[in-house]
Amino acid sequence: MLRIAGILLAGTGAAHFAAPQLFDPISKAAFPENTRQWTYRDGALELALGLAMTSKKTRLLSLAGTAGYAYWLTSRVRANRSEA
Protein backbone atom coordinates (compact mmCIF):
# COMPACT_ATOMS: atom_id res chain seq x y z
CA MET A 1 0.00 0.00 0.00
CA LEU A 2 2.77 2.48 0.87
CA ARG A 3 4.58 1.58 -2.34
CA ILE A 4 1.51 2.59 -4.33
CA ALA A 5 1.22 5.81 -2.31
CA GLY A 6 4.86 6.53 -3.14
CA ILE A 7 4.24 6.00 -6.84
CA LEU A 8 1.25 8.34 -6.71
CA LEU A 9 3.21 10.99 -4.81
CA ALA A 10 6.12 10.71 -7.26
CA GLY A 11 3.67 11.01 -10.16
CA THR A 12 2.15 14.12 -8.63
CA GLY A 13 5.62 15.56 -8.18
CA ALA A 14 6.48 14.88 -11.82
CA ALA A 15 3.20 16.50 -12.89
CA HIS A 16 4.43 19.77 -11.34
CA PHE A 17 6.94 19.91 -14.20
CA ALA A 18 4.63 18.69 -16.97
CA ALA A 19 1.76 21.07 -16.11
CA PRO A 20 2.93 23.63 -13.54
CA GLN A 21 -0.04 25.90 -14.22
CA LEU A 22 -2.27 23.33 -12.50
CA PHE A 23 -0.26 23.60 -9.28
CA ASP A 24 0.46 27.34 -9.25
CA PRO A 25 -2.85 28.26 -7.53
CA ILE A 26 -2.10 25.76 -4.75
CA SER A 27 1.50 26.94 -4.42
CA LYS A 28 0.42 30.58 -4.40
CA ALA A 29 -1.47 30.05 -1.13
CA ALA A 30 1.80 29.09 0.55
CA PHE A 31 4.24 31.08 -1.58
CA PRO A 32 2.71 34.27 -2.99
CA GLU A 33 6.12 35.41 -4.28
CA ASN A 34 8.11 33.40 -6.82
CA THR A 35 5.19 31.00 -7.06
CA ARG A 36 6.36 29.15 -10.18
CA GLN A 37 9.80 28.50 -8.65
CA TRP A 38 8.08 27.09 -5.57
CA THR A 39 5.83 24.95 -7.76
CA TYR A 40 8.94 23.35 -9.24
CA ARG A 41 10.62 22.99 -5.85
CA ASP A 42 7.53 21.36 -4.37
CA GLY A 43 7.34 19.04 -7.36
CA ALA A 44 10.96 18.01 -6.95
CA LEU A 45 10.46 17.33 -3.25
CA GLU A 46 7.28 15.33 -3.83
CA LEU A 47 9.01 13.33 -6.56
CA ALA A 48 11.96 12.54 -4.26
CA LEU A 49 9.76 11.68 -1.27
CA GLY A 50 7.52 9.50 -3.42
CA LEU A 51 10.40 7.58 -4.94
CA ALA A 52 11.93 7.09 -1.50
CA MET A 53 8.61 5.73 -0.27
CA THR A 54 8.65 2.96 -2.88
CA SER A 55 11.71 1.28 -1.33
CA LYS A 56 11.58 -0.52 2.02
CA LYS A 57 15.09 0.76 2.78
CA THR A 58 14.11 4.43 2.61
CA ARG A 59 10.41 4.24 3.45
CA LEU A 60 10.61 5.37 7.09
CA LEU A 61 12.80 8.34 6.17
CA SER A 62 10.37 9.23 3.39
CA LEU A 63 7.38 9.02 5.72
CA ALA A 64 9.11 11.30 8.22
CA GLY A 65 10.03 13.69 5.42
CA THR A 66 6.50 13.67 4.06
CA ALA A 67 5.06 14.46 7.50
CA GLY A 68 7.54 17.32 7.92
CA TYR A 69 6.79 18.62 4.44
CA ALA A 70 3.03 18.56 5.09
CA TYR A 71 3.49 20.43 8.38
CA TRP A 72 5.79 23.02 6.79
CA LEU A 73 3.49 23.59 3.81
CA THR A 74 0.45 23.94 6.08
CA SER A 75 2.27 26.42 8.30
CA ARG A 76 3.19 28.50 5.23
CA VAL A 77 -0.46 28.64 4.11
CA ARG A 78 -1.59 29.65 7.61
CA ALA A 79 1.09 32.32 7.90
CA ASN A 80 0.06 33.85 4.57
CA ARG A 81 -3.61 33.83 5.53
CA SER A 82 -2.91 35.74 8.72
CA GLU A 83 -0.88 38.33 6.80
CA ALA A 84 -3.70 38.96 4.33
PDB file of N, CA and C in Angstrom:
ATOM      1  N   MET A   1       0.824  -1.206   0.000  1.00  0.00           N
ATOM      2  CA  MET A   1       0.000   0.000   0.000  1.00  0.00           C
ATOM      3  C   MET A   1       0.866   1.267   0.000  1.00  0.00           C
ATOM      4  N   LEU A   2       1.906   1.301   0.838  1.00  0.00           N
ATOM      5  CA  LEU A   2       2.771   2.482   0.867  1.00  0.00           C
ATOM      6  C   LEU A   2       3.564   2.625  -0.424  1.00  0.00           C
ATOM      7  N   ARG A   3       3.876   1.509  -1.050  1.00  0.00           N
ATOM      8  CA  ARG A   3       4.583   1.578  -2.335  1.00  0.00           C
ATOM      9  C   ARG A   3       3.714   2.277  -3.381  1.00  0.00           C
ATOM     10  N   ILE A   4       2.435   1.948  -3.392  1.00  0.00           N
ATOM     11  CA  ILE A   4       1.506   2.587  -4.333  1.00  0.00           C
ATOM     12  C   ILE A   4       1.364   4.072  -4.000  1.00  0.00           C
ATOM     13  N   ALA A   5       1.296   4.397  -2.713  1.00  0.00           N
ATOM     14  CA  ALA A   5       1.220   5.808  -2.308  1.00  0.00           C
ATOM     15  C   ALA A   5       2.464   6.558  -2.770  1.00  0.00           C
ATOM     16  N   GLY A   6       3.617   5.911  -2.679  1.00  0.00           N
ATOM     17  CA  GLY A   6       4.856   6.530  -3.142  1.00  0.00           C
ATOM     18  C   GLY A   6       4.842   6.787  -4.644  1.00  0.00           C
ATOM     19  N   ILE A   7       4.342   5.833  -5.381  1.00  0.00           N
ATOM     20  CA  ILE A   7       4.241   6.002  -6.842  1.00  0.00           C
ATOM     21  C   ILE A   7       3.306   7.160  -7.178  1.00  0.00           C
ATOM     22  N   LEU A   8       2.194   7.238  -6.464  1.00  0.00           N
ATOM     23  CA  LEU A   8       1.248   8.336  -6.706  1.00  0.00           C
ATOM     24  C   LEU A   8       1.859   9.691  -6.340  1.00  0.00           C
ATOM     25  N   LEU A   9       2.568   9.739  -5.214  1.00  0.00           N
ATOM     26  CA  LEU A   9       3.214  10.988  -4.811  1.00  0.00           C
ATOM     27  C   LEU A   9       4.293  11.393  -5.811  1.00  0.00           C
ATOM     28  N   ALA A  10       5.083  10.425  -6.264  1.00  0.00           N
ATOM     29  CA  ALA A  10       6.115  10.715  -7.262  1.00  0.00           C
ATOM     30  C   ALA A  10       5.475  11.196  -8.567  1.00  0.00           C
ATOM     31  N   GLY A  11       4.376  10.580  -8.953  1.00  0.00           N
ATOM     32  CA  GLY A  11       3.668  11.015 -10.164  1.00  0.00           C
ATOM     33  C   GLY A  11       3.137  12.427 -10.043  1.00  0.00           C
ATOM     34  N   THR A  12       2.620  12.760  -8.875  1.00  0.00           N
ATOM     35  CA  THR A  12       2.147  14.119  -8.634  1.00  0.00           C
ATOM     36  C   THR A  12       3.310  15.098  -8.698  1.00  0.00           C
ATOM     37  N   GLY A  13       4.436  14.707  -8.117  1.00  0.00           N
ATOM     38  CA  GLY A  13       5.623  15.565  -8.183  1.00  0.00           C
ATOM     39  C   GLY A  13       6.069  15.802  -9.617  1.00  0.00           C
ATOM     40  N   ALA A  14       6.091  14.747 -10.412  1.00  0.00           N
ATOM     41  CA  ALA A  14       6.476  14.881 -11.819  1.00  0.00           C
ATOM     42  C   ALA A  14       5.493  15.764 -12.581  1.00  0.00           C
ATOM     43  N   ALA A  15       4.228  15.684 -12.220  1.00  0.00           N
ATOM     44  CA  ALA A  15       3.204  16.495 -12.888  1.00  0.00           C
ATOM     45  C   ALA A  15       3.433  17.994 -12.670  1.00  0.00           C
ATOM     46  N   HIS A  16       4.098  18.359 -11.575  1.00  0.00           N
ATOM     47  CA  HIS A  16       4.427  19.771 -11.338  1.00  0.00           C
ATOM     48  C   HIS A  16       5.284  20.338 -12.473  1.00  0.00           C
ATOM     49  N   PHE A  17       6.077  19.473 -13.100  1.00  0.00           N
ATOM     50  CA  PHE A  17       6.944  19.913 -14.201  1.00  0.00           C
ATOM     51  C   PHE A  17       6.229  19.840 -15.541  1.00  0.00           C
ATOM     52  N   ALA A  18       5.343  18.863 -15.701  1.00  0.00           N
ATOM     53  CA  ALA A  18       4.627  18.694 -16.966  1.00  0.00           C
ATOM     54  C   ALA A  18       3.522  19.739 -17.139  1.00  0.00           C
ATOM     55  N   ALA A  19       2.872  20.108 -16.038  1.00  0.00           N
ATOM     56  CA  ALA A  19       1.763  21.065 -16.107  1.00  0.00           C
ATOM     57  C   ALA A  19       1.783  21.966 -14.869  1.00  0.00           C
ATOM     58  N   PRO A  20       2.799  22.810 -14.748  1.00  0.00           N
ATOM     59  CA  PRO A  20       2.926  23.629 -13.536  1.00  0.00           C
ATOM     60  C   PRO A  20       1.756  24.573 -13.307  1.00  0.00           C
ATOM     61  N   GLN A  21       1.078  24.970 -14.363  1.00  0.00           N
ATOM     62  CA  GLN A  21      -0.041  25.898 -14.222  1.00  0.00           C
ATOM     63  C   GLN A  21      -1.172  25.292 -13.389  1.00  0.00           C
ATOM     64  N   LEU A  22      -1.254  23.975 -13.329  1.00  0.00           N
ATOM     65  CA  LEU A  22      -2.270  23.329 -12.502  1.00  0.00           C
ATOM     66  C   LEU A  22      -1.964  23.446 -11.016  1.00  0.00           C
ATOM     67  N   PHE A  23      -0.683  23.572 -10.675  1.00  0.00           N
ATOM     68  CA  PHE A  23      -0.262  23.599  -9.281  1.00  0.00           C
ATOM     69  C   PHE A  23       0.034  25.002  -8.770  1.00  0.00           C
ATOM     70  N   ASP A  24       0.165  25.965  -9.665  1.00  0.00           N
ATOM     71  CA  ASP A  24       0.461  27.337  -9.249  1.00  0.00           C
ATOM     72  C   ASP A  24      -0.571  27.905  -8.271  1.00  0.00           C
ATOM     73  N   PRO A  25      -1.884  27.707  -8.497  1.00  0.00           N
ATOM     74  CA  PRO A  25      -2.845  28.256  -7.527  1.00  0.00           C
ATOM     75  C   PRO A  25      -2.673  27.667  -6.124  1.00  0.00           C
ATOM     76  N   ILE A  26      -2.328  26.400  -6.045  1.00  0.00           N
ATOM     77  CA  ILE A  26      -2.102  25.765  -4.747  1.00  0.00           C
ATOM     78  C   ILE A  26      -0.830  26.326  -4.119  1.00  0.00           C
ATOM     79  N   SER A  27       0.223  26.428  -4.918  1.00  0.00           N
ATOM     80  CA  SER A  27       1.500  26.941  -4.417  1.00  0.00           C
ATOM     81  C   SER A  27       1.387  28.398  -3.997  1.00  0.00           C
ATOM     82  N   LYS A  28       0.558  29.145  -4.701  1.00  0.00           N
ATOM     83  CA  LYS A  28       0.424  30.578  -4.400  1.00  0.00           C
ATOM     84  C   LYS A  28      -0.102  30.811  -2.983  1.00  0.00           C
ATOM     85  N   ALA A  29      -0.936  29.907  -2.492  1.00  0.00           N
ATOM     86  CA  ALA A  29      -1.465  30.053  -1.131  1.00  0.00           C
ATOM     87  C   ALA A  29      -0.341  29.995  -0.095  1.00  0.00           C
ATOM     88  N   ALA A  30       0.678  29.214  -0.382  1.00  0.00           N
ATOM     89  CA  ALA A  30       1.802  29.086   0.551  1.00  0.00           C
ATOM     90  C   ALA A  30       2.946  30.022   0.196  1.00  0.00           C
ATOM     91  N   PHE A  31       3.103  30.287  -1.093  1.00  0.00           N
ATOM     92  CA  PHE A  31       4.237  31.084  -1.575  1.00  0.00           C
ATOM     93  C   PHE A  31       3.760  32.131  -2.576  1.00  0.00           C
ATOM     94  N   PRO A  32       3.248  33.259  -2.078  1.00  0.00           N
ATOM     95  CA  PRO A  32       2.706  34.267  -2.992  1.00  0.00           C
ATOM     96  C   PRO A  32       3.766  34.922  -3.871  1.00  0.00           C
ATOM     97  N   GLU A  33       5.033  34.860  -3.467  1.00  0.00           N
ATOM     98  CA  GLU A  33       6.118  35.410  -4.284  1.00  0.00           C
ATOM     99  C   GLU A  33       6.904  34.253  -4.891  1.00  0.00           C
ATOM    100  N   ASN A  34       7.346  34.436  -6.112  1.00  0.00           N
ATOM    101  CA  ASN A  34       8.110  33.399  -6.824  1.00  0.00           C
ATOM    102  C   ASN A  34       7.339  32.072  -6.872  1.00  0.00           C
ATOM    103  N   THR A  35       6.061  32.167  -7.125  1.00  0.00           N
ATOM    104  CA  THR A  35       5.187  31.000  -7.062  1.00  0.00           C
ATOM    105  C   THR A  35       5.641  29.889  -8.001  1.00  0.00           C
ATOM    106  N   ARG A  36       5.982  30.196  -9.229  1.00  0.00           N
ATOM    107  CA  ARG A  36       6.363  29.147 -10.183  1.00  0.00           C
ATOM    108  C   ARG A  36       7.624  28.421  -9.716  1.00  0.00           C
ATOM    109  N   GLN A  37       8.590  29.153  -9.177  1.00  0.00           N
ATOM    110  CA  GLN A  37       9.798  28.497  -8.654  1.00  0.00           C
ATOM    111  C   GLN A  37       9.429  27.530  -7.534  1.00  0.00           C
ATOM    112  N   TRP A  38       8.515  27.949  -6.673  1.00  0.00           N
ATOM    113  CA  TRP A  38       8.084  27.090  -5.573  1.00  0.00           C
ATOM    114  C   TRP A  38       7.288  25.901  -6.085  1.00  0.00           C
ATOM    115  N   THR A  39       6.543  26.074  -7.155  1.00  0.00           N
ATOM    116  CA  THR A  39       5.831  24.950  -7.757  1.00  0.00           C
ATOM    117  C   THR A  39       6.825  23.887  -8.184  1.00  0.00           C
ATOM    118  N   TYR A  40       7.900  24.303  -8.822  1.00  0.00           N
ATOM    119  CA  TYR A  40       8.936  23.352  -9.243  1.00  0.00           C
ATOM    120  C   TYR A  40       9.647  22.728  -8.044  1.00  0.00           C
ATOM    121  N   ARG A  41       9.950  23.522  -7.044  1.00  0.00           N
ATOM    122  CA  ARG A  41      10.616  22.987  -5.846  1.00  0.00           C
ATOM    123  C   ARG A  41       9.732  21.960  -5.144  1.00  0.00           C
ATOM    124  N   ASP A  42       8.456  22.303  -5.005  1.00  0.00           N
ATOM    125  CA  ASP A  42       7.527  21.363  -4.369  1.00  0.00           C
ATOM    126  C   ASP A  42       7.424  20.074  -5.182  1.00  0.00           C
ATOM    127  N   GLY A  43       7.390  20.214  -6.493  1.00  0.00           N
ATOM    128  CA  GLY A  43       7.337  19.037  -7.357  1.00  0.00           C
ATOM    129  C   GLY A  43       8.563  18.158  -7.195  1.00  0.00           C
ATOM    130  N   ALA A  44       9.727  18.783  -7.123  1.00  0.00           N
ATOM    131  CA  ALA A  44      10.961  18.013  -6.947  1.00  0.00           C
ATOM    132  C   ALA A  44      10.954  17.279  -5.609  1.00  0.00           C
ATOM    133  N   LEU A  45      10.503  17.960  -4.574  1.00  0.00           N
ATOM    134  CA  LEU A  45      10.458  17.335  -3.254  1.00  0.00           C
ATOM    135  C   LEU A  45       9.451  16.192  -3.217  1.00  0.00           C
ATOM    136  N   GLU A  46       8.284  16.386  -3.804  1.00  0.00           N
ATOM    137  CA  GLU A  46       7.277  15.330  -3.832  1.00  0.00           C
ATOM    138  C   GLU A  46       7.759  14.141  -4.658  1.00  0.00           C
ATOM    139  N   LEU A  47       8.450  14.407  -5.745  1.00  0.00           N
ATOM    140  CA  LEU A  47       9.013  13.332  -6.562  1.00  0.00           C
ATOM    141  C   LEU A  47      10.028  12.529  -5.750  1.00  0.00           C
ATOM    142  N   ALA A  48      10.933  13.221  -5.060  1.00  0.00           N
ATOM    143  CA  ALA A  48      11.956  12.538  -4.257  1.00  0.00           C
ATOM    144  C   ALA A  48      11.339  11.758  -3.097  1.00  0.00           C
ATOM    145  N   LEU A  49      10.400  12.369  -2.393  1.00  0.00           N
ATOM    146  CA  LEU A  49       9.755  11.676  -1.275  1.00  0.00           C
ATOM    147  C   LEU A  49       8.961  10.463  -1.755  1.00  0.00           C
ATOM    148  N   GLY A  50       8.296  10.616  -2.873  1.00  0.00           N
ATOM    149  CA  GLY A  50       7.520   9.504  -3.424  1.00  0.00           C
ATOM    150  C   GLY A  50       8.396   8.346  -3.851  1.00  0.00           C
ATOM    151  N   LEU A  51       9.486   8.649  -4.528  1.00  0.00           N
ATOM    152  CA  LEU A  51      10.396   7.583  -4.940  1.00  0.00           C
ATOM    153  C   LEU A  51      11.016   6.895  -3.735  1.00  0.00           C
ATOM    154  N   ALA A  52      11.363   7.677  -2.717  1.00  0.00           N
ATOM    155  CA  ALA A  52      11.925   7.093  -1.503  1.00  0.00           C
ATOM    156  C   ALA A  52      10.909   6.198  -0.799  1.00  0.00           C
ATOM    157  N   MET A  53       9.651   6.517  -0.920  1.00  0.00           N
ATOM    158  CA  MET A  53       8.607   5.731  -0.270  1.00  0.00           C
ATOM    159  C   MET A  53       8.422   4.366  -0.939  1.00  0.00           C
ATOM    160  N   THR A  54       8.851   4.224  -2.172  1.00  0.00           N
ATOM    161  CA  THR A  54       8.652   2.956  -2.884  1.00  0.00           C
ATOM    162  C   THR A  54       9.635   1.876  -2.440  1.00  0.00           C
ATOM    163  N   SER A  55      10.702   2.249  -1.776  1.00  0.00           N
ATOM    164  CA  SER A  55      11.708   1.284  -1.326  1.00  0.00           C
ATOM    165  C   SER A  55      11.603   1.054   0.180  1.00  0.00           C
ATOM    166  N   LYS A  56      11.644  -0.205   0.592  1.00  0.00           N
ATOM    167  CA  LYS A  56      11.581  -0.518   2.022  1.00  0.00           C
ATOM    168  C   LYS A  56      12.749   0.098   2.780  1.00  0.00           C
ATOM    169  N   LYS A  57      13.899   0.227   2.116  1.00  0.00           N
ATOM    170  CA  LYS A  57      15.095   0.758   2.778  1.00  0.00           C
ATOM    171  C   LYS A  57      14.961   2.228   3.152  1.00  0.00           C
ATOM    172  N   THR A  58      14.218   2.983   2.379  1.00  0.00           N
ATOM    173  CA  THR A  58      14.108   4.427   2.609  1.00  0.00           C
ATOM    174  C   THR A  58      12.695   4.863   3.003  1.00  0.00           C
ATOM    175  N   ARG A  59      11.813   3.918   3.197  1.00  0.00           N
ATOM    176  CA  ARG A  59      10.408   4.242   3.446  1.00  0.00           C
ATOM    177  C   ARG A  59      10.193   5.055   4.724  1.00  0.00           C
ATOM    178  N   LEU A  60      10.811   4.647   5.826  1.00  0.00           N
ATOM    179  CA  LEU A  60      10.614   5.370   7.086  1.00  0.00           C
ATOM    180  C   LEU A  60      11.125   6.802   6.987  1.00  0.00           C
ATOM    181  N   LEU A  61      12.268   6.993   6.358  1.00  0.00           N
ATOM    182  CA  LEU A  61      12.797   8.341   6.168  1.00  0.00           C
ATOM    183  C   LEU A  61      11.851   9.162   5.302  1.00  0.00           C
ATOM    184  N   SER A  62      11.311   8.535   4.267  1.00  0.00           N
ATOM    185  CA  SER A  62      10.370   9.226   3.395  1.00  0.00           C
ATOM    186  C   SER A  62       9.093   9.612   4.134  1.00  0.00           C
ATOM    187  N   LEU A  63       8.589   8.712   4.967  1.00  0.00           N
ATOM    188  CA  LEU A  63       7.377   9.024   5.725  1.00  0.00           C
ATOM    189  C   LEU A  63       7.609  10.177   6.690  1.00  0.00           C
ATOM    190  N   ALA A  64       8.767  10.186   7.332  1.00  0.00           N
ATOM    191  CA  ALA A  64       9.105  11.299   8.225  1.00  0.00           C
ATOM    192  C   ALA A  64       9.231  12.597   7.424  1.00  0.00           C
ATOM    193  N   GLY A  65       9.889  12.522   6.279  1.00  0.00           N
ATOM    194  CA  GLY A  65      10.034  13.694   5.424  1.00  0.00           C
ATOM    195  C   GLY A  65       8.700  14.196   4.901  1.00  0.00           C
ATOM    196  N   THR A  66       7.818  13.291   4.549  1.00  0.00           N
ATOM    197  CA  THR A  66       6.495  13.668   4.055  1.00  0.00           C
ATOM    198  C   THR A  66       5.683  14.348   5.151  1.00  0.00           C
ATOM    199  N   ALA A  67       5.772  13.829   6.373  1.00  0.00           N
ATOM    200  CA  ALA A  67       5.063  14.457   7.496  1.00  0.00           C
ATOM    201  C   ALA A  67       5.612  15.860   7.753  1.00  0.00           C
ATOM    202  N   GLY A  68       6.927  16.001   7.729  1.00  0.00           N
ATOM    203  CA  GLY A  68       7.538  17.318   7.922  1.00  0.00           C
ATOM    204  C   GLY A  68       7.167  18.285   6.812  1.00  0.00           C
ATOM    205  N   TYR A  69       7.153  17.793   5.595  1.00  0.00           N
ATOM    206  CA  TYR A  69       6.788  18.619   4.442  1.00  0.00           C
ATOM    207  C   TYR A  69       5.336  19.090   4.558  1.00  0.00           C
ATOM    208  N   ALA A  70       4.439  18.193   4.938  1.00  0.00           N
ATOM    209  CA  ALA A  70       3.029  18.563   5.092  1.00  0.00           C
ATOM    210  C   ALA A  70       2.864  19.616   6.189  1.00  0.00           C
ATOM    211  N   TYR A  71       3.562  19.442   7.283  1.00  0.00           N
ATOM    212  CA  TYR A  71       3.492  20.425   8.377  1.00  0.00           C
ATOM    213  C   TYR A  71       4.012  21.782   7.914  1.00  0.00           C
ATOM    214  N   TRP A  72       5.168  21.776   7.246  1.00  0.00           N
ATOM    215  CA  TRP A  72       5.791  23.016   6.785  1.00  0.00           C
ATOM    216  C   TRP A  72       4.888  23.732   5.779  1.00  0.00           C
ATOM    217  N   LEU A  73       4.351  22.988   4.837  1.00  0.00           N
ATOM    218  CA  LEU A  73       3.491  23.591   3.813  1.00  0.00           C
ATOM    219  C   LEU A  73       2.230  24.178   4.453  1.00  0.00           C
ATOM    220  N   THR A  74       1.632  23.452   5.385  1.00  0.00           N
ATOM    221  CA  THR A  74       0.446  23.941   6.085  1.00  0.00           C
ATOM    222  C   THR A  74       0.757  25.208   6.875  1.00  0.00           C
ATOM    223  N   SER A  75       1.910  25.229   7.527  1.00  0.00           N
ATOM    224  CA  SER A  75       2.273  26.416   8.302  1.00  0.00           C
ATOM    225  C   SER A  75       2.493  27.621   7.389  1.00  0.00           C
ATOM    226  N   ARG A  76       3.004  27.402   6.193  1.00  0.00           N
ATOM    227  CA  ARG A  76       3.190  28.500   5.229  1.00  0.00           C
ATOM    228  C   ARG A  76       1.841  29.064   4.787  1.00  0.00           C
ATOM    229  N   VAL A  77       0.881  28.194   4.531  1.00  0.00           N
ATOM    230  CA  VAL A  77      -0.460  28.640   4.113  1.00  0.00           C
ATOM    231  C   VAL A  77      -1.096  29.448   5.248  1.00  0.00           C
ATOM    232  N   ARG A  78      -1.016  28.934   6.462  1.00  0.00           N
ATOM    233  CA  ARG A  78      -1.593  29.647   7.612  1.00  0.00           C
ATOM    234  C   ARG A  78      -0.929  30.998   7.833  1.00  0.00           C
ATOM    235  N   ALA A  79       0.374  31.061   7.702  1.00  0.00           N
ATOM    236  CA  ALA A  79       1.092  32.317   7.895  1.00  0.00           C
ATOM    237  C   ALA A  79       0.660  33.342   6.850  1.00  0.00           C
ATOM    238  N   ASN A  80       0.474  32.919   5.631  1.00  0.00           N
ATOM    239  CA  ASN A  80       0.065  33.849   4.570  1.00  0.00           C
ATOM    240  C   ASN A  80      -1.379  34.275   4.718  1.00  0.00           C
ATOM    241  N   ARG A  81      -2.217  33.440   5.275  1.00  0.00           N
ATOM    242  CA  ARG A  81      -3.608  33.829   5.526  1.00  0.00           C
ATOM    243  C   ARG A  81      -3.696  34.893   6.599  1.00  0.00           C
ATOM    244  N   SER A  82      -2.867  34.759   7.624  1.00  0.00           N
ATOM    245  CA  SER A  82      -2.915  35.742   8.723  1.00  0.00           C
ATOM    246  C   SER A  82      -2.333  37.079   8.308  1.00  0.00           C
ATOM    247  N   GLU A  83      -1.459  37.075   7.293  1.00  0.00           N
ATOM    248  CA  GLU A  83      -0.880  38.332   6.801  1.00  0.00           C
ATOM    249  C   GLU A  83      -1.847  39.077   5.894  1.00  0.00           C
ATOM    250  N   ALA A  84      -2.777  38.339   5.292  1.00  0.00           N
ATOM    251  CA  ALA A  84      -3.700  38.963   4.330  1.00  0.00           C
ATOM    252  C   ALA A  84      -4.813  39.726   5.010  1.00  0.00           C
TER     253      ALA A  84
END
